[in-house]
Amino acid sequence: MYSFSTCWNSHRHTDGRAMLQEIRDLGFQFAELSHGIRVSLLPGIIESVAAGEIKISSLHNFCPLPMGVTTPAPNLYQFSSDRPRERELAERYTLKTIELAARLKAPLVVLHSGSIEMKDYTDKLLDLVARGQRDTPKYGKLCAEYAKKRDAKKEPVFERVKETFKKILPEAESRNVKLGVENRQALERQRADDAGRTVAIVEVVNESLQPLKVLIN
């Protein structure tokens, strides 16, 4: 199955049905509703799916966007935040995404698990690579510094992520929607390349339920 993401065209449309029709006209039978879907697009999306014009393969959290937000914002609220109010909002809007997925008969919600607050190492390392300095002591030293600082901070972050997943998984299971944790492009993000920790989270939260998966892009 091939599915085309609305991240390509949602910003250009005010009518959700026309947005999906544009994707259908390219020959795709499935679309992913990405993290740029404004509330105003929902009526047309629901009409299109109900009419059998296209099927929805997945939704990317947060979908729809919270009221007042008009641009893509998948990291607006994070499961990893040390601020309880932010985690509460992340949970609330994730549940809304799961609810919409069930309504549209989409089997999967893709989401980000959060980030570790630390200074930016990703851009510095990429700059060294671009200048041909990947195999230099400077690059190795920066990698070691990043790993040490990340390891010192990650335990409470992972605990917060795990507890948030435990809260939303029952709703996902009750609606027969699977959750896919997406790996990230930045070192500071919670990513699937920390394989042991990611698998541990999945195993713990899946003790009685089975809707949480890891997605590798």
N, C-alpha and C. Protein backbone atom coordinates (compact mmCIF):
# COMPACT_ATOMS: atom_id res chain seq x y z
N MET A 1 0.84 -1.19 0.00
CA MET A 1 0.00 0.00 0.00
C MET A 1 0.88 1.25 0.00
N TYR A 2 0.59 2.17 -0.89
CA TYR A 2 1.27 3.46 -0.93
C TYR A 2 0.31 4.55 -0.46
N SER A 3 0.81 5.43 0.40
CA SER A 3 -0.03 6.49 0.94
C SER A 3 0.69 7.82 0.80
N PHE A 4 -0.04 8.84 0.40
CA PHE A 4 0.54 10.16 0.14
C PHE A 4 0.18 11.11 1.28
N SER A 5 1.18 11.81 1.80
CA SER A 5 0.96 12.67 2.97
C SER A 5 0.43 14.04 2.59
N THR A 6 -0.49 14.53 3.40
CA THR A 6 -1.04 15.87 3.19
C THR A 6 -0.07 16.98 3.58
N CYS A 7 1.11 16.61 4.09
CA CYS A 7 2.10 17.66 4.36
C CYS A 7 2.49 18.36 3.06
N TRP A 8 2.22 17.70 1.93
CA TRP A 8 2.51 18.27 0.61
C TRP A 8 1.57 19.40 0.24
N ASN A 9 0.30 19.30 0.66
CA ASN A 9 -0.66 20.26 0.14
C ASN A 9 -1.64 20.87 1.14
N SER A 10 -1.59 20.48 2.40
CA SER A 10 -2.59 21.01 3.34
C SER A 10 -2.51 22.52 3.48
N HIS A 11 -1.32 23.08 3.39
CA HIS A 11 -1.16 24.53 3.56
C HIS A 11 -1.76 25.31 2.40
N ARG A 12 -2.02 24.64 1.28
CA ARG A 12 -2.54 25.33 0.09
C ARG A 12 -4.06 25.27 -0.01
N HIS A 13 -4.71 24.57 0.91
CA HIS A 13 -6.15 24.34 0.78
C HIS A 13 -6.93 24.90 1.97
N THR A 14 -8.14 25.32 1.67
CA THR A 14 -9.09 25.71 2.72
C THR A 14 -10.23 24.72 2.81
N ASP A 15 -10.30 23.79 1.84
CA ASP A 15 -11.34 22.76 1.80
C ASP A 15 -10.68 21.40 1.86
N GLY A 16 -10.98 20.63 2.93
CA GLY A 16 -10.36 19.33 3.10
C GLY A 16 -10.68 18.34 1.99
N ARG A 17 -11.87 18.44 1.44
CA ARG A 17 -12.26 17.53 0.37
C ARG A 17 -11.42 17.79 -0.89
N ALA A 18 -11.24 19.06 -1.22
CA ALA A 18 -10.41 19.42 -2.37
C ALA A 18 -8.96 19.00 -2.14
N MET A 19 -8.49 19.12 -0.92
CA MET A 19 -7.13 18.70 -0.59
C MET A 19 -6.93 17.21 -0.87
N LEU A 20 -7.87 16.40 -0.41
CA LEU A 20 -7.77 14.96 -0.63
C LEU A 20 -8.01 14.59 -2.10
N GLN A 21 -8.86 15.34 -2.76
CA GLN A 21 -9.12 15.07 -4.18
C GLN A 21 -7.86 15.29 -5.01
N GLU A 22 -7.08 16.29 -4.62
CA GLU A 22 -5.83 16.55 -5.34
C GLU A 22 -4.90 15.34 -5.23
N ILE A 23 -4.86 14.72 -4.06
CA ILE A 23 -4.04 13.52 -3.87
C ILE A 23 -4.63 12.35 -4.63
N ARG A 24 -5.95 12.22 -4.60
CA ARG A 24 -6.61 11.13 -5.34
C ARG A 24 -6.36 11.25 -6.83
N ASP A 25 -6.33 12.47 -7.34
CA ASP A 25 -6.11 12.70 -8.76
C ASP A 25 -4.70 12.28 -9.20
N LEU A 26 -3.78 12.16 -8.25
CA LEU A 26 -2.44 11.68 -8.57
C LEU A 26 -2.39 10.16 -8.69
N GLY A 27 -3.51 9.52 -8.32
CA GLY A 27 -3.59 8.07 -8.43
C GLY A 27 -3.49 7.33 -7.11
N PHE A 28 -3.45 8.06 -6.01
CA PHE A 28 -3.33 7.42 -4.70
C PHE A 28 -4.70 7.13 -4.11
N GLN A 29 -4.84 5.91 -3.59
CA GLN A 29 -6.09 5.52 -2.94
C GLN A 29 -6.06 5.81 -1.44
N PHE A 30 -4.86 6.04 -0.90
CA PHE A 30 -4.70 6.29 0.53
C PHE A 30 -3.95 7.60 0.76
N ALA A 31 -4.29 8.28 1.84
CA ALA A 31 -3.58 9.50 2.24
C ALA A 31 -3.28 9.43 3.73
N GLU A 32 -2.16 10.04 4.13
CA GLU A 32 -1.90 10.27 5.54
C GLU A 32 -2.26 11.71 5.87
N LEU A 33 -3.03 11.90 6.92
CA LEU A 33 -3.31 13.24 7.41
C LEU A 33 -2.15 13.66 8.30
N SER A 34 -1.38 14.61 7.83
CA SER A 34 -0.18 15.01 8.53
C SER A 34 -0.47 16.00 9.65
N HIS A 35 0.60 16.55 10.24
CA HIS A 35 0.46 17.40 11.41
C HIS A 35 0.22 18.86 11.05
N GLY A 36 -0.29 19.11 9.83
CA GLY A 36 -0.65 20.46 9.45
C GLY A 36 -2.13 20.62 9.16
N ILE A 37 -2.93 19.67 9.64
CA ILE A 37 -4.37 19.69 9.36
C ILE A 37 -5.09 20.62 10.34
N ARG A 38 -5.58 21.73 9.80
CA ARG A 38 -6.32 22.69 10.62
C ARG A 38 -7.76 22.19 10.82
N VAL A 39 -8.37 22.65 11.89
CA VAL A 39 -9.74 22.22 12.21
C VAL A 39 -10.69 22.54 11.06
N SER A 40 -10.46 23.63 10.37
CA SER A 40 -11.34 24.03 9.27
C SER A 40 -11.34 23.05 8.09
N LEU A 41 -10.34 22.20 8.02
CA LEU A 41 -10.27 21.22 6.93
C LEU A 41 -11.08 19.96 7.23
N LEU A 42 -11.46 19.77 8.49
CA LEU A 42 -12.10 18.52 8.90
C LEU A 42 -13.41 18.21 8.19
N PRO A 43 -14.35 19.15 8.04
CA PRO A 43 -15.62 18.80 7.39
C PRO A 43 -15.42 18.18 6.01
N GLY A 44 -14.55 18.77 5.19
CA GLY A 44 -14.31 18.24 3.86
C GLY A 44 -13.63 16.89 3.89
N ILE A 45 -12.73 16.71 4.85
CA ILE A 45 -12.04 15.41 4.98
C ILE A 45 -13.06 14.32 5.31
N ILE A 46 -13.92 14.58 6.26
CA ILE A 46 -14.93 13.61 6.68
C ILE A 46 -15.87 13.30 5.51
N GLU A 47 -16.26 14.32 4.75
CA GLU A 47 -17.13 14.11 3.59
C GLU A 47 -16.45 13.23 2.54
N SER A 48 -15.19 13.49 2.29
CA SER A 48 -14.46 12.74 1.27
C SER A 48 -14.35 11.27 1.63
N VAL A 49 -14.02 10.99 2.88
CA VAL A 49 -13.89 9.60 3.33
C VAL A 49 -15.25 8.91 3.33
N ALA A 50 -16.28 9.61 3.80
CA ALA A 50 -17.62 9.02 3.83
C ALA A 50 -18.13 8.70 2.44
N ALA A 51 -17.71 9.50 1.46
CA ALA A 51 -18.15 9.28 0.08
C ALA A 51 -17.33 8.20 -0.62
N GLY A 52 -16.31 7.68 0.06
CA GLY A 52 -15.49 6.63 -0.53
C GLY A 52 -14.51 7.13 -1.57
N GLU A 53 -14.21 8.42 -1.55
CA GLU A 53 -13.31 8.99 -2.55
C GLU A 53 -11.85 8.63 -2.27
N ILE A 54 -11.52 8.44 -1.00
CA ILE A 54 -10.15 8.11 -0.61
C ILE A 54 -10.20 7.47 0.78
N LYS A 55 -9.17 6.72 1.12
CA LYS A 55 -9.05 6.13 2.44
C LYS A 55 -7.88 6.77 3.18
N ILE A 56 -7.96 6.78 4.49
CA ILE A 56 -6.90 7.38 5.31
C ILE A 56 -6.08 6.25 5.93
N SER A 57 -4.80 6.24 5.62
CA SER A 57 -3.92 5.19 6.13
C SER A 57 -3.46 5.46 7.55
N SER A 58 -3.29 6.74 7.88
CA SER A 58 -2.73 7.10 9.18
C SER A 58 -2.91 8.60 9.42
N LEU A 59 -2.77 8.97 10.69
CA LEU A 59 -2.76 10.37 11.09
C LEU A 59 -1.46 10.65 11.81
N HIS A 60 -0.92 11.84 11.62
CA HIS A 60 0.29 12.23 12.35
C HIS A 60 -0.11 13.23 13.43
N ASN A 61 0.18 12.90 14.66
CA ASN A 61 -0.10 13.75 15.81
C ASN A 61 0.57 15.13 15.64
N PHE A 62 -0.05 16.22 15.96
CA PHE A 62 -1.42 16.37 16.44
C PHE A 62 -2.33 16.64 15.24
N CYS A 63 -3.41 15.92 15.16
CA CYS A 63 -4.31 16.04 14.01
C CYS A 63 -5.75 15.84 14.49
N PRO A 64 -6.57 16.90 14.45
CA PRO A 64 -6.26 18.22 13.91
C PRO A 64 -5.39 19.02 14.86
N LEU A 65 -4.86 20.12 14.32
CA LEU A 65 -4.09 21.03 15.16
C LEU A 65 -4.98 21.62 16.25
N PRO A 66 -4.41 21.93 17.42
CA PRO A 66 -5.19 22.61 18.45
C PRO A 66 -5.75 23.93 17.92
N MET A 67 -6.87 24.34 18.46
CA MET A 67 -7.50 25.59 18.04
C MET A 67 -6.51 26.75 18.17
N GLY A 68 -6.49 27.59 17.14
CA GLY A 68 -5.60 28.74 17.16
C GLY A 68 -4.24 28.48 16.55
N VAL A 69 -3.91 27.22 16.33
CA VAL A 69 -2.63 26.87 15.70
C VAL A 69 -2.88 26.64 14.22
N THR A 70 -2.13 27.29 13.36
CA THR A 70 -2.41 27.23 11.93
C THR A 70 -1.26 26.68 11.10
N THR A 71 -0.15 26.34 11.74
CA THR A 71 0.99 25.77 11.02
C THR A 71 1.38 24.44 11.65
N PRO A 72 2.04 23.55 10.90
CA PRO A 72 2.42 22.24 11.45
C PRO A 72 3.14 22.37 12.78
N ALA A 73 2.74 21.56 13.76
CA ALA A 73 3.30 21.68 15.11
C ALA A 73 3.32 20.34 15.83
N PRO A 74 4.06 19.34 15.30
CA PRO A 74 4.05 18.02 15.94
C PRO A 74 4.72 17.99 17.30
N ASN A 75 5.51 19.03 17.62
CA ASN A 75 6.21 19.08 18.90
C ASN A 75 5.70 20.21 19.80
N LEU A 76 4.49 20.66 19.52
CA LEU A 76 3.91 21.76 20.29
C LEU A 76 3.84 21.41 21.77
N TYR A 77 3.36 20.21 22.07
CA TYR A 77 3.31 19.68 23.42
C TYR A 77 4.03 18.34 23.42
N GLN A 78 4.89 18.12 24.42
CA GLN A 78 5.73 16.93 24.40
C GLN A 78 5.49 16.02 25.60
N PHE A 79 5.48 14.71 25.32
CA PHE A 79 5.33 13.71 26.38
C PHE A 79 6.48 13.80 27.38
N SER A 80 7.62 14.27 26.92
CA SER A 80 8.84 14.27 27.74
C SER A 80 8.98 15.49 28.63
N SER A 81 8.10 16.46 28.48
CA SER A 81 8.26 17.72 29.20
C SER A 81 8.25 17.53 30.71
N ASP A 82 9.06 18.35 31.40
CA ASP A 82 9.04 18.31 32.87
C ASP A 82 7.93 19.20 33.43
N ARG A 83 7.14 19.80 32.54
CA ARG A 83 6.02 20.63 32.97
C ARG A 83 4.72 19.82 32.88
N PRO A 84 4.09 19.53 34.02
CA PRO A 84 2.88 18.70 34.02
C PRO A 84 1.78 19.22 33.10
N ARG A 85 1.60 20.54 33.04
CA ARG A 85 0.55 21.11 32.19
C ARG A 85 0.81 20.79 30.72
N GLU A 86 2.06 20.84 30.28
CA GLU A 86 2.38 20.53 28.88
C GLU A 86 2.11 19.05 28.59
N ARG A 87 2.48 18.16 29.52
CA ARG A 87 2.21 16.74 29.32
C ARG A 87 0.71 16.48 29.27
N GLU A 88 -0.05 17.21 30.09
CA GLU A 88 -1.51 17.07 30.08
C GLU A 88 -2.08 17.46 28.72
N LEU A 89 -1.57 18.55 28.15
CA LEU A 89 -2.04 18.99 26.83
C LEU A 89 -1.60 18.02 25.74
N ALA A 90 -0.40 17.48 25.87
CA ALA A 90 0.06 16.47 24.90
C ALA A 90 -0.86 15.26 24.92
N GLU A 91 -1.24 14.83 26.11
CA GLU A 91 -2.16 13.71 26.25
C GLU A 91 -3.53 14.05 25.66
N ARG A 92 -4.05 15.24 25.98
CA ARG A 92 -5.39 15.63 25.51
C ARG A 92 -5.47 15.64 24.00
N TYR A 93 -4.50 16.26 23.35
CA TYR A 93 -4.58 16.39 21.89
C TYR A 93 -4.19 15.11 21.17
N THR A 94 -3.42 14.26 21.83
CA THR A 94 -3.16 12.93 21.26
C THR A 94 -4.44 12.10 21.28
N LEU A 95 -5.19 12.20 22.36
CA LEU A 95 -6.47 11.48 22.42
C LEU A 95 -7.44 11.96 21.35
N LYS A 96 -7.42 13.26 21.04
CA LYS A 96 -8.25 13.78 19.96
C LYS A 96 -7.82 13.21 18.62
N THR A 97 -6.51 13.05 18.42
CA THR A 97 -6.01 12.44 17.18
C THR A 97 -6.47 10.99 17.07
N ILE A 98 -6.39 10.26 18.17
CA ILE A 98 -6.83 8.87 18.18
C ILE A 98 -8.33 8.78 17.88
N GLU A 99 -9.10 9.68 18.46
CA GLU A 99 -10.55 9.71 18.22
C GLU A 99 -10.85 9.95 16.74
N LEU A 100 -10.13 10.90 16.13
CA LEU A 100 -10.36 11.18 14.71
C LEU A 100 -9.92 10.00 13.85
N ALA A 101 -8.82 9.36 14.21
CA ALA A 101 -8.37 8.19 13.45
C ALA A 101 -9.44 7.11 13.43
N ALA A 102 -10.04 6.87 14.58
CA ALA A 102 -11.09 5.85 14.65
C ALA A 102 -12.29 6.25 13.81
N ARG A 103 -12.64 7.52 13.85
CA ARG A 103 -13.79 7.99 13.07
C ARG A 103 -13.56 7.82 11.57
N LEU A 104 -12.31 8.02 11.14
CA LEU A 104 -11.98 7.91 9.72
C LEU A 104 -11.53 6.50 9.32
N LYS A 105 -11.59 5.57 10.31
CA LYS A 105 -11.19 4.18 10.09
C LYS A 105 -9.73 4.07 9.66
N ALA A 106 -8.91 4.93 10.21
CA ALA A 106 -7.47 4.86 9.99
C ALA A 106 -6.84 3.99 11.08
N PRO A 107 -6.02 3.02 10.73
CA PRO A 107 -5.53 2.07 11.73
C PRO A 107 -4.33 2.53 12.54
N LEU A 108 -3.75 3.68 12.19
CA LEU A 108 -2.47 4.05 12.81
C LEU A 108 -2.39 5.55 13.08
N VAL A 109 -1.81 5.89 14.24
CA VAL A 109 -1.44 7.27 14.56
C VAL A 109 0.07 7.31 14.76
N VAL A 110 0.73 8.18 14.02
CA VAL A 110 2.18 8.38 14.14
C VAL A 110 2.42 9.55 15.08
N LEU A 111 3.39 9.40 15.98
CA LEU A 111 3.64 10.49 16.92
C LEU A 111 5.11 10.56 17.31
N HIS A 112 5.49 11.69 17.88
CA HIS A 112 6.82 11.90 18.42
C HIS A 112 6.76 11.72 19.93
N SER A 113 7.82 11.16 20.50
CA SER A 113 7.79 10.91 21.94
C SER A 113 8.35 12.05 22.76
N GLY A 114 9.07 12.98 22.13
CA GLY A 114 9.56 14.12 22.90
C GLY A 114 11.03 14.42 22.64
N SER A 115 11.65 15.11 23.57
CA SER A 115 13.04 15.51 23.40
C SER A 115 13.71 15.69 24.74
N ILE A 116 15.03 15.72 24.70
CA ILE A 116 15.83 16.00 25.89
C ILE A 116 16.35 17.43 25.75
N GLU A 117 16.08 18.26 26.72
CA GLU A 117 16.50 19.66 26.64
C GLU A 117 18.00 19.76 26.90
N MET A 118 18.71 20.11 25.85
CA MET A 118 20.16 20.29 25.93
C MET A 118 20.59 21.15 24.75
N LYS A 119 21.83 21.61 24.77
CA LYS A 119 22.27 22.49 23.69
C LYS A 119 22.35 21.70 22.38
N ASP A 120 22.36 22.42 21.30
CA ASP A 120 22.30 21.83 19.97
C ASP A 120 23.65 21.22 19.57
N TYR A 121 23.67 19.89 19.49
CA TYR A 121 24.86 19.20 18.98
C TYR A 121 24.68 18.80 17.52
N THR A 122 23.46 18.60 17.10
CA THR A 122 23.20 18.09 15.75
C THR A 122 23.80 18.98 14.68
N ASP A 123 23.50 20.27 14.72
CA ASP A 123 23.98 21.18 13.68
C ASP A 123 25.51 21.29 13.69
N LYS A 124 26.10 21.25 14.87
CA LYS A 124 27.55 21.32 14.95
C LYS A 124 28.20 20.10 14.32
N LEU A 125 27.65 18.94 14.58
CA LEU A 125 28.20 17.71 14.01
C LEU A 125 27.99 17.66 12.50
N LEU A 126 26.81 18.08 12.06
CA LEU A 126 26.54 18.11 10.61
C LEU A 126 27.46 19.08 9.90
N ASP A 127 27.78 20.18 10.55
CA ASP A 127 28.70 21.15 9.95
C ASP A 127 30.09 20.54 9.79
N LEU A 128 30.53 19.78 10.79
CA LEU A 128 31.85 19.13 10.69
C LEU A 128 31.85 18.10 9.56
N VAL A 129 30.76 17.35 9.44
CA VAL A 129 30.66 16.36 8.35
C VAL A 129 30.72 17.06 6.99
N ALA A 130 29.99 18.17 6.88
CA ALA A 130 29.97 18.91 5.61
C ALA A 130 31.35 19.43 5.24
N ARG A 131 32.19 19.68 6.25
CA ARG A 131 33.54 20.18 5.98
C ARG A 131 34.57 19.06 5.92
N GLY A 132 34.07 17.80 5.86
CA GLY A 132 34.97 16.66 5.73
C GLY A 132 35.75 16.33 6.98
N GLN A 133 35.20 16.68 8.15
CA GLN A 133 35.93 16.47 9.40
C GLN A 133 35.29 15.40 10.29
N ARG A 134 34.61 14.45 9.66
CA ARG A 134 33.96 13.41 10.46
C ARG A 134 34.97 12.54 11.19
N ASP A 135 36.08 12.23 10.57
CA ASP A 135 37.09 11.35 11.19
C ASP A 135 38.19 12.16 11.86
N THR A 136 37.80 13.15 12.63
CA THR A 136 38.76 14.00 13.32
C THR A 136 38.56 13.92 14.83
N PRO A 137 39.59 14.22 15.61
CA PRO A 137 39.44 14.23 17.07
C PRO A 137 38.34 15.18 17.54
N LYS A 138 38.18 16.31 16.85
CA LYS A 138 37.16 17.28 17.24
C LYS A 138 35.77 16.67 17.14
N TYR A 139 35.52 15.94 16.06
CA TYR A 139 34.22 15.29 15.87
C TYR A 139 33.99 14.23 16.95
N GLY A 140 35.00 13.41 17.20
CA GLY A 140 34.88 12.37 18.21
C GLY A 140 34.66 12.94 19.60
N LYS A 141 35.35 14.04 19.92
CA LYS A 141 35.20 14.66 21.22
C LYS A 141 33.79 15.21 21.40
N LEU A 142 33.25 15.82 20.34
CA LEU A 142 31.90 16.37 20.41
C LEU A 142 30.86 15.26 20.58
N CYS A 143 31.05 14.14 19.87
CA CYS A 143 30.14 13.00 20.02
C CYS A 143 30.17 12.46 21.44
N ALA A 144 31.36 12.35 22.01
CA ALA A 144 31.48 11.83 23.37
C ALA A 144 30.84 12.77 24.38
N GLU A 145 31.01 14.08 24.16
CA GLU A 145 30.41 15.06 25.05
C GLU A 145 28.88 14.99 24.99
N TYR A 146 28.36 14.87 23.76
CA TYR A 146 26.91 14.74 23.59
C TYR A 146 26.38 13.50 24.32
N ALA A 147 27.03 12.36 24.10
CA ALA A 147 26.55 11.10 24.69
C ALA A 147 26.55 11.17 26.22
N LYS A 148 27.60 11.77 26.79
CA LYS A 148 27.69 11.87 28.25
C LYS A 148 26.57 12.73 28.81
N LYS A 149 26.32 13.89 28.19
CA LYS A 149 25.28 14.79 28.69
C LYS A 149 23.89 14.21 28.49
N ARG A 150 23.70 13.55 27.35
CA ARG A 150 22.38 12.95 27.08
C ARG A 150 22.10 11.82 28.07
N ASP A 151 23.10 10.98 28.32
CA ASP A 151 22.91 9.86 29.25
C ASP A 151 22.61 10.36 30.67
N ALA A 152 23.18 11.51 31.02
CA ALA A 152 22.96 12.06 32.36
C ALA A 152 21.53 12.58 32.54
N LYS A 153 20.87 12.92 31.43
CA LYS A 153 19.55 13.53 31.51
C LYS A 153 18.40 12.61 31.11
N LYS A 154 18.68 11.49 30.47
CA LYS A 154 17.62 10.77 29.78
C LYS A 154 16.69 9.95 30.67
N GLU A 155 17.15 9.50 31.84
CA GLU A 155 16.31 8.61 32.65
C GLU A 155 14.97 9.23 33.04
N PRO A 156 14.94 10.42 33.66
CA PRO A 156 13.64 11.01 34.01
C PRO A 156 12.79 11.32 32.77
N VAL A 157 13.44 11.66 31.68
CA VAL A 157 12.72 11.94 30.44
C VAL A 157 11.99 10.69 29.96
N PHE A 158 12.70 9.57 29.90
CA PHE A 158 12.09 8.32 29.47
C PHE A 158 10.96 7.89 30.40
N GLU A 159 11.11 8.15 31.69
CA GLU A 159 10.06 7.80 32.64
C GLU A 159 8.79 8.59 32.35
N ARG A 160 8.95 9.89 32.07
CA ARG A 160 7.78 10.71 31.77
C ARG A 160 7.10 10.25 30.47
N VAL A 161 7.92 9.91 29.48
CA VAL A 161 7.36 9.42 28.22
C VAL A 161 6.59 8.13 28.45
N LYS A 162 7.16 7.23 29.20
CA LYS A 162 6.53 5.94 29.48
C LYS A 162 5.19 6.12 30.20
N GLU A 163 5.15 7.00 31.19
CA GLU A 163 3.92 7.21 31.93
C GLU A 163 2.83 7.83 31.07
N THR A 164 3.22 8.72 30.15
CA THR A 164 2.22 9.31 29.26
C THR A 164 1.65 8.27 28.31
N PHE A 165 2.51 7.41 27.78
CA PHE A 165 2.01 6.35 26.92
C PHE A 165 1.03 5.44 27.67
N LYS A 166 1.32 5.17 28.91
CA LYS A 166 0.41 4.32 29.68
C LYS A 166 -0.98 4.92 29.80
N LYS A 167 -1.06 6.25 29.80
CA LYS A 167 -2.35 6.92 29.91
C LYS A 167 -3.14 6.89 28.62
N ILE A 168 -2.46 6.96 27.47
CA ILE A 168 -3.19 7.05 26.20
C ILE A 168 -3.41 5.70 25.53
N LEU A 169 -2.64 4.69 25.88
CA LEU A 169 -2.77 3.40 25.21
C LEU A 169 -4.12 2.72 25.39
N PRO A 170 -4.74 2.79 26.58
CA PRO A 170 -6.06 2.15 26.71
C PRO A 170 -7.08 2.70 25.72
N GLU A 171 -7.04 4.02 25.49
CA GLU A 171 -7.96 4.62 24.52
C GLU A 171 -7.64 4.16 23.11
N ALA A 172 -6.37 4.06 22.78
CA ALA A 172 -5.98 3.58 21.46
C ALA A 172 -6.45 2.15 21.25
N GLU A 173 -6.28 1.33 22.27
CA GLU A 173 -6.69 -0.07 22.14
C GLU A 173 -8.20 -0.20 22.02
N SER A 174 -8.92 0.59 22.79
CA SER A 174 -10.38 0.50 22.76
C SER A 174 -10.94 0.92 21.40
N ARG A 175 -10.20 1.75 20.68
CA ARG A 175 -10.65 2.22 19.37
C ARG A 175 -9.96 1.47 18.22
N ASN A 176 -9.17 0.46 18.58
CA ASN A 176 -8.48 -0.37 17.59
C ASN A 176 -7.54 0.46 16.71
N VAL A 177 -6.82 1.38 17.36
CA VAL A 177 -5.86 2.23 16.66
C VAL A 177 -4.46 1.94 17.22
N LYS A 178 -3.52 1.66 16.34
CA LYS A 178 -2.14 1.44 16.76
C LYS A 178 -1.40 2.77 16.79
N LEU A 179 -0.40 2.85 17.69
CA LEU A 179 0.43 4.04 17.79
C LEU A 179 1.83 3.71 17.29
N GLY A 180 2.36 4.57 16.44
CA GLY A 180 3.71 4.37 15.93
C GLY A 180 4.63 5.47 16.40
N VAL A 181 5.68 5.11 17.15
CA VAL A 181 6.65 6.09 17.64
C VAL A 181 7.70 6.32 16.55
N GLU A 182 7.74 7.54 16.05
CA GLU A 182 8.61 7.86 14.91
C GLU A 182 10.00 8.27 15.39
N ASN A 183 11.03 7.72 14.72
CA ASN A 183 12.38 8.18 15.05
C ASN A 183 12.58 9.59 14.52
N ARG A 184 13.58 10.27 15.06
CA ARG A 184 13.72 11.71 14.80
C ARG A 184 15.04 12.03 14.13
N GLN A 185 15.11 13.23 13.57
CA GLN A 185 16.29 13.61 12.81
C GLN A 185 17.37 14.24 13.67
N ALA A 186 17.04 14.74 14.84
CA ALA A 186 18.00 15.46 15.68
C ALA A 186 18.44 14.61 16.86
N LEU A 187 19.70 14.74 17.23
CA LEU A 187 20.24 13.95 18.34
C LEU A 187 19.53 14.26 19.65
N GLU A 188 19.05 15.49 19.80
CA GLU A 188 18.42 15.89 21.05
C GLU A 188 17.01 15.32 21.21
N ARG A 189 16.47 14.74 20.14
CA ARG A 189 15.13 14.19 20.18
C ARG A 189 15.15 12.76 20.71
N GLN A 190 14.03 12.33 21.29
CA GLN A 190 13.88 10.93 21.65
C GLN A 190 13.85 10.12 20.36
N ARG A 191 14.77 9.20 20.19
CA ARG A 191 14.87 8.54 18.89
C ARG A 191 14.99 7.03 19.05
N ALA A 192 14.64 6.33 17.97
CA ALA A 192 14.67 4.88 18.00
C ALA A 192 16.08 4.33 17.92
N ASP A 193 17.10 5.18 17.71
CA ASP A 193 18.45 4.62 17.67
C ASP A 193 18.97 4.33 19.07
N ASP A 194 18.30 4.85 20.11
CA ASP A 194 18.59 4.40 21.46
C ASP A 194 17.75 3.14 21.65
N ALA A 195 18.14 2.10 20.94
CA ALA A 195 17.29 0.93 20.75
C ALA A 195 16.88 0.26 22.06
N GLY A 196 17.84 0.10 22.96
CA GLY A 196 17.52 -0.60 24.20
C GLY A 196 16.45 0.11 25.00
N ARG A 197 16.56 1.45 25.11
CA ARG A 197 15.60 2.20 25.90
C ARG A 197 14.24 2.24 25.22
N THR A 198 14.25 2.40 23.90
CA THR A 198 12.99 2.45 23.17
C THR A 198 12.24 1.14 23.28
N VAL A 199 12.95 0.03 23.08
CA VAL A 199 12.33 -1.28 23.19
C VAL A 199 11.81 -1.50 24.60
N ALA A 200 12.55 -1.02 25.60
CA ALA A 200 12.11 -1.19 26.99
C ALA A 200 10.80 -0.47 27.23
N ILE A 201 10.67 0.75 26.69
CA ILE A 201 9.42 1.49 26.84
C ILE A 201 8.27 0.73 26.20
N VAL A 202 8.50 0.24 24.97
CA VAL A 202 7.46 -0.48 24.26
C VAL A 202 7.05 -1.73 25.03
N GLU A 203 8.01 -2.45 25.57
CA GLU A 203 7.70 -3.67 26.31
C GLU A 203 6.92 -3.37 27.58
N VAL A 204 7.30 -2.33 28.29
CA VAL A 204 6.62 -2.00 29.55
C VAL A 204 5.19 -1.57 29.30
N VAL A 205 4.99 -0.66 28.35
CA VAL A 205 3.64 -0.16 28.14
C VAL A 205 2.76 -1.18 27.43
N ASN A 206 3.38 -2.18 26.82
CA ASN A 206 2.60 -3.21 26.13
C ASN A 206 2.39 -4.45 26.98
N GLU A 207 2.59 -4.35 28.29
CA GLU A 207 2.45 -5.52 29.15
C GLU A 207 1.08 -6.16 29.01
N SER A 208 0.04 -5.33 28.91
CA SER A 208 -1.30 -5.88 28.77
C SER A 208 -1.96 -5.50 27.46
N LEU A 209 -1.39 -4.52 26.76
CA LEU A 209 -1.96 -4.04 25.49
C LEU A 209 -0.91 -4.19 24.40
N GLN A 210 -1.35 -4.14 23.13
CA GLN A 210 -0.41 -4.32 22.04
C GLN A 210 -0.56 -3.30 20.91
N PRO A 211 -0.86 -2.04 21.22
CA PRO A 211 -1.03 -1.10 20.10
C PRO A 211 0.17 -0.18 19.85
N LEU A 212 1.32 -0.38 20.55
CA LEU A 212 2.44 0.53 20.39
C LEU A 212 3.54 -0.11 19.56
N LYS A 213 3.96 0.57 18.50
CA LYS A 213 4.99 0.08 17.60
C LYS A 213 6.07 1.14 17.45
N VAL A 214 7.21 0.73 16.89
CA VAL A 214 8.29 1.67 16.58
C VAL A 214 8.37 1.80 15.07
N LEU A 215 8.37 3.05 14.59
CA LEU A 215 8.47 3.32 13.13
C LEU A 215 9.84 3.87 12.83
N ILE A 216 10.52 3.30 11.84
CA ILE A 216 11.83 3.78 11.42
C ILE A 216 11.71 4.40 10.05
N ASN A 217 12.04 5.69 9.94
CA ASN A 217 12.02 6.38 8.65
C ASN A 217 13.38 6.26 7.98
